[in-house]
C-alpha cells in the first residue's frame, strides 16, 4: 500500500488537497516505524510523546525525499531518517558531564556522518568508515564515540515510562531480548525451507532476500503475478503451520 501511495504522491502537484491527503495517509500507515525507532530511546529524560513527535517529522522528511526509482524498500530508507531526526533532537539538549569542546563538535560531525552513511550503506557505519568519510584518524573517531557516552546520564533510581507503577530504571535493566525469539524462529525455519520444492524455495528467496515484487518474480519464472501470489501465500501458510506445530 505504501508503494502505491508513494507512486501516486510523486504524480501529484505540490500544494493540492489530494497530495496532502495522500501524504497524510502515508504518515498514518507508517507510524509503526516511528514507534519502533522511538523505542530505542525509551528511558531518556524526554517524554516518549515528544520523541514520537520528532520521529514523525523524520517520517515526513523520508516520505518527501523517497525516490521510487532507486528500488529501495521504503522502510529501509525511512528508519535511518527517523532515527537521525530523533538523534538531532537529543543533540540540542545539554551534556550531562563536562566534555572538551573539541569532542562536542566531533560528536556532532559523527552524528551527521552516521546519518549520511547509514542511508548510503543501509546499515550503521563502522568507525573505519566514519574515519574515511570525515578524513580523520580512526583513534580520534573512537575517542569521539566514547565521549558521546557522556551526552546524557540517568540515575538508576529514576522513574521510567516502561510502566505506570513505581518501577525505576534499575528494575528494568534486565529484560528478555525479543530478538532471541526471531533468531530461534529463523533457525527452526531452515530445515522446513530446505524441504520445500525448488520453485517454492526460489520464490521465497526472490521475495524476501532479493526483495523482488511478485510481478518481477513472475517475469523471471514465466508465471503470472497472481500465480506467484498464490504460491507465495500457500508456502508462507505452510511454513507458519509447520513452525507452530513443532515440538
Protein backbone atom coordinates (compact mmCIF):
# COMPACT_ATOMS: atom_id res chain seq x y z
CA UNK A 1 0.00 0.00 0.00
CA UNK A 2 2.83 2.42 0.85
CA UNK A 3 4.46 1.80 -2.54
CA UNK A 4 1.19 2.53 -4.35
CA UNK A 5 0.68 5.74 -2.39
CA UNK A 6 4.29 6.86 -2.85
CA UNK A 7 3.93 6.38 -6.60
CA UNK A 8 0.70 8.39 -6.52
CA UNK A 9 2.33 11.12 -4.39
CA UNK A 10 5.09 11.55 -6.98
CA UNK A 11 2.47 12.19 -9.66
CA UNK A 12 0.52 14.84 -7.74
CA UNK A 13 1.21 18.55 -7.79
CA UNK A 14 2.59 20.31 -4.71
CA UNK A 15 0.04 22.23 -2.67
CA UNK A 16 -3.01 20.30 -3.83
CA UNK A 17 -5.58 18.88 -1.43
CA UNK A 18 -5.24 15.39 -2.92
CA UNK A 19 -1.46 15.39 -2.43
CA UNK A 20 -1.85 16.44 1.19
CA UNK A 21 -4.37 13.66 1.73
CA UNK A 22 -2.06 11.00 0.20
CA UNK A 23 0.89 12.32 2.23
CA UNK A 24 -1.10 12.24 5.50
CA UNK A 25 -2.27 8.71 4.73
CA UNK A 26 1.34 7.61 4.22
CA UNK A 27 2.26 9.10 7.59
CA UNK A 28 -0.57 7.21 9.33
CA UNK A 29 0.32 3.93 7.60
CA UNK A 30 3.96 4.13 8.68
CA UNK A 31 3.66 5.35 12.27
CA UNK A 32 4.78 1.88 13.39
CA UNK A 33 8.24 2.78 12.02
CA UNK A 34 8.28 5.89 14.23
CA UNK A 35 7.27 3.94 17.33
CA UNK A 36 9.86 1.27 16.56
CA UNK A 37 12.63 3.88 16.20
CA UNK A 38 11.46 5.81 19.29
CA UNK A 39 11.55 2.66 21.43
CA UNK A 40 15.36 2.70 21.27
CA UNK A 41 15.34 5.98 23.21
CA UNK A 42 12.95 4.84 25.93
CA UNK A 43 14.28 5.71 29.38
CA UNK A 44 15.80 9.05 28.31
CA UNK A 45 14.83 12.22 30.13
CA UNK A 46 12.47 13.37 27.36
CA UNK A 47 8.80 12.22 27.31
CA UNK A 48 8.08 9.45 24.81
CA UNK A 49 5.30 11.60 23.28
CA UNK A 50 7.88 14.26 22.34
CA UNK A 51 10.23 11.66 20.88
CA UNK A 52 7.42 10.23 18.74
CA UNK A 53 6.52 13.73 17.54
CA UNK A 54 10.11 14.33 16.47
CA UNK A 55 10.24 10.90 14.84
CA UNK A 56 7.09 11.77 12.89
CA UNK A 57 8.92 14.78 11.45
CA UNK A 58 11.64 12.38 10.31
CA UNK A 59 8.99 10.15 8.71
CA UNK A 60 7.55 13.12 6.80
CA UNK A 61 11.04 14.03 5.56
CA UNK A 62 11.58 10.43 4.46
CA UNK A 63 8.29 10.47 2.52
CA UNK A 64 9.23 13.74 0.79
CA UNK A 65 12.76 12.54 -0.08
CA UNK A 66 11.99 8.96 -1.09
CA UNK A 67 12.77 8.10 -4.70
CA UNK A 68 10.97 5.05 -6.09
CA UNK A 69 13.45 4.82 -8.95
CA UNK A 70 16.24 3.80 -6.57
CA UNK A 71 14.49 0.48 -5.97
CA UNK A 72 14.72 0.65 -2.16
CA UNK A 73 12.09 -0.61 0.25
CA UNK A 74 10.54 2.45 1.91
CA UNK A 75 11.01 1.18 5.48
CA UNK A 76 14.72 0.59 4.78
CA UNK A 77 15.09 4.21 3.69
CA UNK A 78 12.80 5.74 6.32
CA UNK A 79 14.17 4.19 9.52
CA UNK A 80 17.63 5.87 9.37
CA UNK A 81 15.95 9.19 8.56
CA UNK A 82 13.58 8.88 11.52
CA UNK A 83 16.39 7.86 13.88
CA UNK A 84 18.53 10.72 12.62
CA UNK A 85 15.80 13.23 13.37
CA UNK A 86 15.41 11.87 16.91
CA UNK A 87 19.17 11.96 17.46
CA UNK A 88 19.27 15.60 16.33
CA UNK A 89 16.53 16.33 18.86
CA UNK A 90 18.65 14.95 21.69
CA UNK A 91 21.71 16.70 20.28
CA UNK A 92 20.11 20.07 21.07
CA UNK A 93 19.99 19.43 24.84
CA UNK A 94 22.86 19.87 27.28
CA UNK A 95 25.59 17.38 28.15
CA UNK A 96 25.37 15.53 31.45
CA UNK A 97 29.12 15.68 32.16
CA UNK A 98 31.94 18.04 31.21
CA UNK A 99 33.39 17.19 27.80
CA UNK A 100 36.01 19.25 25.91
CA UNK A 101 34.58 21.48 23.20
CA UNK A 102 36.61 19.63 20.55
CA UNK A 103 34.87 16.37 21.39
CA UNK A 104 31.44 18.02 21.49
CA UNK A 105 31.98 19.32 17.96
CA UNK A 106 33.32 15.93 16.87
CA UNK A 107 30.20 14.23 18.22
CA UNK A 108 28.02 16.44 16.01
CA UNK A 109 30.18 15.61 12.98
CA UNK A 110 29.98 11.91 13.79
CA UNK A 111 26.20 12.06 14.15
CA UNK A 112 25.75 13.83 10.81
CA UNK A 113 28.20 11.50 9.07
CA UNK A 114 26.49 8.50 10.65
CA UNK A 115 23.10 9.59 9.27
CA UNK A 116 24.51 10.04 5.75
CA UNK A 117 26.41 6.74 5.73
CA UNK A 118 23.52 4.80 7.30
CA UNK A 119 21.28 5.76 4.38
CA UNK A 120 24.03 5.08 1.84
CA UNK A 121 25.14 1.74 3.30
CA UNK A 122 21.74 0.62 4.61
CA UNK A 123 23.37 -0.15 7.99
CA UNK A 124 25.27 1.57 10.80
CA UNK A 125 28.76 2.65 9.64
CA UNK A 126 31.91 1.27 11.27
CA UNK A 127 34.49 3.55 12.95
CA UNK A 128 36.79 2.93 9.96
CA UNK A 129 34.10 4.06 7.51
CA UNK A 130 33.39 7.16 9.61
CA UNK A 131 37.12 7.92 9.71
CA UNK A 132 37.41 7.64 5.92
CA UNK A 133 34.31 9.78 5.37
CA UNK A 134 35.48 12.56 7.72
CA UNK A 135 39.16 12.17 6.76
CA UNK A 136 40.16 11.77 10.42
CA UNK A 137 42.34 9.22 12.24
CA UNK A 138 40.44 6.16 13.47
CA UNK A 139 41.71 6.81 17.03
CA UNK A 140 40.06 10.24 17.01
CA UNK A 141 36.78 8.73 15.79
CA UNK A 142 36.80 6.18 18.61
CA UNK A 143 37.62 8.92 21.13
CA UNK A 144 34.64 10.93 19.86
CA UNK A 145 32.34 7.92 20.08
CA UNK A 146 33.42 7.25 23.66
CA UNK A 147 32.93 10.91 24.58
CA UNK A 148 29.39 10.75 23.20
CA UNK A 149 28.56 8.42 26.09
CA UNK A 150 28.77 11.49 28.34
CA UNK A 151 25.95 13.15 26.45
CA UNK A 152 23.30 12.15 28.98
CA UNK A 153 23.11 10.11 32.15
CA UNK A 154 20.27 8.90 34.31
CA UNK A 155 20.03 7.81 37.90
CA UNK A 156 19.44 4.10 38.39
CA UNK A 157 16.60 5.13 40.72
CA UNK A 158 14.97 7.40 38.15
CA UNK A 159 11.40 6.56 37.20
CA UNK A 160 10.85 5.24 33.70
CA UNK A 161 7.94 5.18 31.27
CA UNK A 162 8.04 1.41 30.95
CA UNK A 163 5.01 1.07 33.16
CA UNK A 164 2.60 3.10 35.22
CA UNK A 165 3.88 1.79 38.56
CA UNK A 166 6.81 2.73 40.75
CA UNK A 167 9.43 0.90 38.67
CA UNK A 168 12.85 2.57 38.41
CA UNK A 169 15.40 2.17 35.65
CA UNK A 170 17.29 -0.33 37.80
CA UNK A 171 14.27 -2.65 37.89
CA UNK A 172 14.25 -2.83 34.09
CA UNK A 173 17.96 -3.22 33.31
CA UNK A 174 17.47 -6.97 32.93
CA UNK A 175 14.95 -7.93 30.26
CA UNK A 176 14.20 -10.56 27.67
CA UNK A 177 15.64 -9.61 24.32
CA UNK A 178 12.87 -10.04 21.76
CA UNK A 179 15.43 -10.62 19.04
CA UNK A 180 16.22 -14.03 20.56
CA UNK A 181 12.80 -15.35 19.52
CA UNK A 182 13.43 -14.17 15.97
CA UNK A 183 16.77 -15.95 15.85
CA UNK A 184 15.19 -19.15 17.19
CA UNK A 185 12.40 -18.95 14.63
CA UNK A 186 14.84 -18.45 11.77
CA UNK A 187 16.91 -21.39 13.00
CA UNK A 188 13.78 -23.56 13.17
CA UNK A 189 12.71 -22.47 9.68
CA UNK A 190 15.93 -23.55 7.96
CA UNK A 191 15.11 -27.28 7.69
CA UNK A 192 11.47 -26.51 6.80
CA UNK A 193 12.53 -24.28 3.92
CA UNK A 194 15.13 -26.82 2.79
CA UNK A 195 12.34 -29.42 2.47
CA UNK A 196 10.27 -27.24 0.12
CA UNK A 197 10.15 -27.85 -3.64
CA UNK A 198 12.85 -26.00 -5.58
CA UNK A 199 10.45 -23.49 -7.16
CA UNK A 200 8.92 -22.56 -3.79
CA UNK A 201 12.41 -22.00 -2.36
CA UNK A 202 13.25 -19.81 -5.35
CA UNK A 203 10.14 -17.69 -4.88
CA UNK A 204 10.82 -17.22 -1.14
CA UNK A 205 14.41 -16.21 -1.86
CA UNK A 206 13.44 -13.75 -4.58
CA UNK A 207 10.72 -12.18 -2.43
CA UNK A 208 12.38 -11.96 0.98
CA UNK A 209 16.11 -11.99 0.18
CA UNK A 210 16.24 -10.18 -3.18
CA UNK A 211 13.12 -8.12 -2.29
CA UNK A 212 11.65 -8.52 -5.77
CA UNK A 213 8.00 -7.73 -6.40
CA UNK A 214 5.58 -10.51 -7.29
CA UNK A 215 5.46 -9.21 -10.86
CA UNK A 216 9.26 -9.30 -11.14
CA UNK A 217 9.31 -12.84 -9.78
CA UNK A 218 6.64 -13.86 -12.28
CA UNK A 219 8.68 -12.40 -15.16
CA UNK A 220 11.76 -14.37 -14.13
CA UNK A 221 9.90 -17.65 -13.69
CA UNK A 222 7.43 -17.26 -16.54
CA UNK A 223 4.41 -17.09 -14.23
CA UNK A 224 1.61 -14.59 -13.77
CA UNK A 225 1.69 -12.24 -10.80
CA UNK A 226 -1.50 -13.84 -9.48
CA UNK A 227 0.05 -17.32 -9.66
CA UNK A 228 3.13 -16.11 -7.81
CA UNK A 229 0.87 -14.56 -5.15
CA UNK A 230 -0.99 -17.83 -4.65
CA UNK A 231 2.22 -19.88 -4.46
CA UNK A 232 3.77 -17.42 -2.02
CA UNK A 233 0.71 -17.34 0.24
CA UNK A 234 0.49 -21.12 0.23
CA UNK A 235 4.17 -21.55 1.08
CA UNK A 236 4.14 -18.97 3.88
CA UNK A 237 0.98 -20.52 5.37
CA UNK A 238 2.57 -23.98 5.22
CA UNK A 239 5.75 -22.79 6.94
CA UNK A 240 3.74 -20.98 9.62
CA UNK A 241 1.70 -24.10 10.34
CA UNK A 242 4.77 -26.33 10.49
CA UNK A 243 6.60 -23.85 12.73
CA UNK A 244 3.69 -23.58 15.17
CA UNK A 245 3.16 -27.34 15.39
CA UNK A 246 6.80 -28.16 16.09
CA UNK A 247 7.55 -29.63 19.50
